[in-house]
Amino acid sequence: MPLIPVLMSVFTVLDKKDKINIDVDNLIKILSSPFISNCEEINNYNIRNTLYANEKIVSIMPLDDFIKNVKDNKFILDFIELLKKLIYANTYKTIAIVYIEILKFLKVDLIFDNK
């Protein structure tokens, strides 16, 4: 998957209407990207199978339910916290700052060089 769609997917993982829902397929798209290098806890090649192995996880579900089902995965929980900050951002400046935090957290290889 090319880098740009992965970067844009960050904005579509969480949906805030009446309550926050998560699009698990978009989360998988991001975490399975070969451009992400901060996924030591997760095997990017089988993240889909790992998440969907839990029968309680479905494609689109309430965020609270999702968190209950992945409570042992600190990486995903930390990532979700950043995404929550993004959807609650109320200015363009805050959105940009949180988006950069997300990119740094994921260690997107082509954008941030660790040197």
C-alpha atoms as a PDB file:
ATOM      1  CA  MET A   1       0.000   0.000   0.000  1.00  0.00           C
ATOM      2  CA  PRO A   2       1.425   3.426  -0.908  1.00  0.00           C
ATOM      3  CA  LEU A   3       2.342   5.793   1.913  1.00  0.00           C
ATOM      4  CA  ILE A   4      -0.233   8.562   1.295  1.00  0.00           C
ATOM      5  CA  PRO A   5      -3.352   6.357   1.756  1.00  0.00           C
ATOM      6  CA  VAL A   6      -1.835   5.009   4.966  1.00  0.00           C
ATOM      7  CA  LEU A   7      -1.256   8.528   6.268  1.00  0.00           C
ATOM      8  CA  MET A   8      -4.788   9.587   5.350  1.00  0.00           C
ATOM      9  CA  SER A   9      -6.258   6.495   7.021  1.00  0.00           C
ATOM     10  CA  VAL A  10      -5.263   7.957  10.384  1.00  0.00           C
ATOM     11  CA  PHE A  11      -8.201  10.350  10.053  1.00  0.00           C
ATOM     12  CA  THR A  12     -10.745   7.590   9.389  1.00  0.00           C
ATOM     13  CA  VAL A  13      -9.982   5.055  12.126  1.00  0.00           C
ATOM     14  CA  LEU A  14     -12.175   6.706  14.747  1.00  0.00           C
ATOM     15  CA  ASP A  15     -15.606   8.155  14.049  1.00  0.00           C
ATOM     16  CA  LYS A  16     -17.175  10.460  16.621  1.00  0.00           C
ATOM     17  CA  LYS A  17     -20.931  10.788  16.293  1.00  0.00           C
ATOM     18  CA  ASP A  18     -23.123   9.928  19.274  1.00  0.00           C
ATOM     19  CA  LYS A  19     -20.314   7.789  20.634  1.00  0.00           C
ATOM     20  CA  ILE A  20     -16.896   6.882  19.285  1.00  0.00           C
ATOM     21  CA  ASN A  21     -16.721   3.950  16.865  1.00  0.00           C
ATOM     22  CA  ILE A  22     -13.568   2.366  15.509  1.00  0.00           C
ATOM     23  CA  ASP A  23     -13.062   1.135  11.970  1.00  0.00           C
ATOM     24  CA  VAL A  24     -10.923  -1.921  12.615  1.00  0.00           C
ATOM     25  CA  ASP A  25     -10.156  -2.416   8.909  1.00  0.00           C
ATOM     26  CA  ASN A  26      -8.607   1.056   8.687  1.00  0.00           C
ATOM     27  CA  LEU A  27      -6.652   0.393  11.866  1.00  0.00           C
ATOM     28  CA  ILE A  28      -5.338  -2.800  10.281  1.00  0.00           C
ATOM     29  CA  LYS A  29      -4.457  -0.905   7.092  1.00  0.00           C
ATOM     30  CA  ILE A  30      -2.244   1.440   9.083  1.00  0.00           C
ATOM     31  CA  LEU A  31      -0.644  -1.150  11.341  1.00  0.00           C
ATOM     32  CA  SER A  32       0.091  -3.562   8.500  1.00  0.00           C
ATOM     33  CA  SER A  33       1.845  -0.931   6.414  1.00  0.00           C
ATOM     34  CA  PRO A  34       5.497  -1.662   5.606  1.00  0.00           C
ATOM     35  CA  PHE A  35       6.222   2.045   6.250  1.00  0.00           C
ATOM     36  CA  ILE A  36       5.497   1.723   9.971  1.00  0.00           C
ATOM     37  CA  SER A  37       8.492   0.701  12.063  1.00  0.00           C
ATOM     38  CA  ASN A  38       7.205   0.997  15.641  1.00  0.00           C
ATOM     39  CA  CYS A  39       5.215  -2.221  15.704  1.00  0.00           C
ATOM     40  CA  GLU A  40       7.579  -4.502  17.613  1.00  0.00           C
ATOM     41  CA  GLU A  41       4.633  -5.896  19.581  1.00  0.00           C
ATOM     42  CA  ILE A  42       2.643  -6.565  16.427  1.00  0.00           C
ATOM     43  CA  ASN A  43       3.433  -8.728  13.454  1.00  0.00           C
ATOM     44  CA  ASN A  44       2.284  -6.458  10.599  1.00  0.00           C
ATOM     45  CA  TYR A  45       1.806  -9.420   8.308  1.00  0.00           C
ATOM     46  CA  ASN A  46      -0.826 -11.136  10.412  1.00  0.00           C
ATOM     47  CA  ILE A  47      -2.416  -8.251  12.342  1.00  0.00           C
ATOM     48  CA  ARG A  48      -5.752  -8.894  10.609  1.00  0.00           C
ATOM     49  CA  ASN A  49      -5.787 -12.530  11.703  1.00  0.00           C
ATOM     50  CA  THR A  50      -4.648 -11.604  15.205  1.00  0.00           C
ATOM     51  CA  LEU A  51      -7.384  -9.020  15.758  1.00  0.00           C
ATOM     52  CA  TYR A  52     -10.184 -10.951  14.084  1.00  0.00           C
ATOM     53  CA  ALA A  53      -9.223 -14.134  15.953  1.00  0.00           C
ATOM     54  CA  ASN A  54     -11.126 -12.554  18.816  1.00  0.00           C
ATOM     55  CA  GLU A  55     -14.722 -13.196  17.801  1.00  0.00           C
ATOM     56  CA  LYS A  56     -15.904 -10.104  19.656  1.00  0.00           C
ATOM     57  CA  ILE A  57     -13.994  -7.791  17.308  1.00  0.00           C
ATOM     58  CA  VAL A  58     -15.933  -6.738  14.227  1.00  0.00           C
ATOM     59  CA  SER A  59     -15.172  -4.355  11.373  1.00  0.00           C
ATOM     60  CA  ILE A  60     -16.899  -1.331  12.909  1.00  0.00           C
ATOM     61  CA  MET A  61     -17.607  -1.340  16.613  1.00  0.00           C
ATOM     62  CA  PRO A  62     -17.828   0.942  19.641  1.00  0.00           C
ATOM     63  CA  LEU A  63     -14.378   2.025  20.755  1.00  0.00           C
ATOM     64  CA  ASP A  64     -14.995   1.036  24.392  1.00  0.00           C
ATOM     65  CA  ASP A  65     -15.788  -2.533  23.351  1.00  0.00           C
ATOM     66  CA  PHE A  66     -12.701  -2.686  21.158  1.00  0.00           C
ATOM     67  CA  ILE A  67     -10.476  -1.467  23.988  1.00  0.00           C
ATOM     68  CA  LYS A  68     -11.849  -4.157  26.316  1.00  0.00           C
ATOM     69  CA  ASN A  69     -10.856  -6.787  23.752  1.00  0.00           C
ATOM     70  CA  VAL A  70      -7.296  -5.540  23.161  1.00  0.00           C
ATOM     71  CA  LYS A  71      -6.519  -4.442  26.710  1.00  0.00           C
ATOM     72  CA  ASP A  72      -3.317  -6.509  26.741  1.00  0.00           C
ATOM     73  CA  ASN A  73      -1.790  -4.743  23.737  1.00  0.00           C
ATOM     74  CA  LYS A  74      -0.123  -1.572  25.000  1.00  0.00           C
ATOM     75  CA  PHE A  75       0.934  -0.446  21.515  1.00  0.00           C
ATOM     76  CA  ILE A  76      -2.613  -0.451  20.144  1.00  0.00           C
ATOM     77  CA  LEU A  77      -3.961   1.220  23.288  1.00  0.00           C
ATOM     78  CA  ASP A  78      -1.338   3.990  23.074  1.00  0.00           C
ATOM     79  CA  PHE A  79      -2.146   4.478  19.396  1.00  0.00           C
ATOM     80  CA  ILE A  80      -5.874   4.697  20.162  1.00  0.00           C
ATOM     81  CA  GLU A  81      -5.178   7.371  22.794  1.00  0.00           C
ATOM     82  CA  LEU A  82      -3.395   9.466  20.168  1.00  0.00           C
ATOM     83  CA  LEU A  83      -6.286   8.982  17.749  1.00  0.00           C
ATOM     84  CA  LYS A  84      -8.708  10.109  20.446  1.00  0.00           C
ATOM     85  CA  LYS A  85      -6.652  13.270  20.927  1.00  0.00           C
ATOM     86  CA  LEU A  86      -6.906  13.817  17.173  1.00  0.00           C
ATOM     87  CA  ILE A  87     -10.691  13.584  17.016  1.00  0.00           C
ATOM     88  CA  TYR A  88     -11.093  15.891  19.997  1.00  0.00           C
ATOM     89  CA  ALA A  89      -8.712  18.508  18.579  1.00  0.00           C
ATOM     90  CA  ASN A  90     -10.595  21.734  18.016  1.00  0.00           C
ATOM     91  CA  THR A  91      -8.112  23.853  16.054  1.00  0.00           C
ATOM     92  CA  TYR A  92      -6.037  23.223  12.944  1.00  0.00           C
ATOM     93  CA  LYS A  93      -2.894  23.811  14.980  1.00  0.00           C
ATOM     94  CA  THR A  94      -3.868  21.130  17.500  1.00  0.00           C
ATOM     95  CA  ILE A  95      -4.780  18.725  14.698  1.00  0.00           C
ATOM     96  CA  ALA A  96      -1.363  19.253  13.094  1.00  0.00           C
ATOM     97  CA  ILE A  97       0.490  18.788  16.391  1.00  0.00           C
ATOM     98  CA  VAL A  98      -1.368  15.573  17.235  1.00  0.00           C
ATOM     99  CA  TYR A  99      -0.948  14.259  13.668  1.00  0.00           C
ATOM    100  CA  ILE A 100       2.821  14.789  13.934  1.00  0.00           C
ATOM    101  CA  GLU A 101       2.761  12.996  17.323  1.00  0.00           C
ATOM    102  CA  ILE A 102       1.017  10.071  15.634  1.00  0.00           C
ATOM    103  CA  LEU A 103       3.556   9.930  12.813  1.00  0.00           C
ATOM    104  CA  LYS A 104       6.410  10.027  15.320  1.00  0.00           C
ATOM    105  CA  PHE A 105       4.747   7.340  17.446  1.00  0.00           C
ATOM    106  CA  LEU A 106       4.357   5.067  14.422  1.00  0.00           C
ATOM    107  CA  LYS A 107       7.897   5.918  13.286  1.00  0.00           C
ATOM    108  CA  VAL A 108       6.906   6.302   9.665  1.00  0.00           C
ATOM    109  CA  ASP A 109      10.184   5.418   7.932  1.00  0.00           C
ATOM    110  CA  LEU A 110       9.956   7.756   4.976  1.00  0.00           C
ATOM    111  CA  ILE A 111       9.125  10.829   7.040  1.00  0.00           C
ATOM    112  CA  PHE A 112      11.161  10.595  10.238  1.00  0.00           C
ATOM    113  CA  ASP A 113      14.700   9.318  10.154  1.00  0.00           C
ATOM    114  CA  ASN A 114      15.958   8.182  13.553  1.00  0.00           C
ATOM    115  CA  LYS A 115      19.449   9.629  12.911  1.00  0.00           C
END
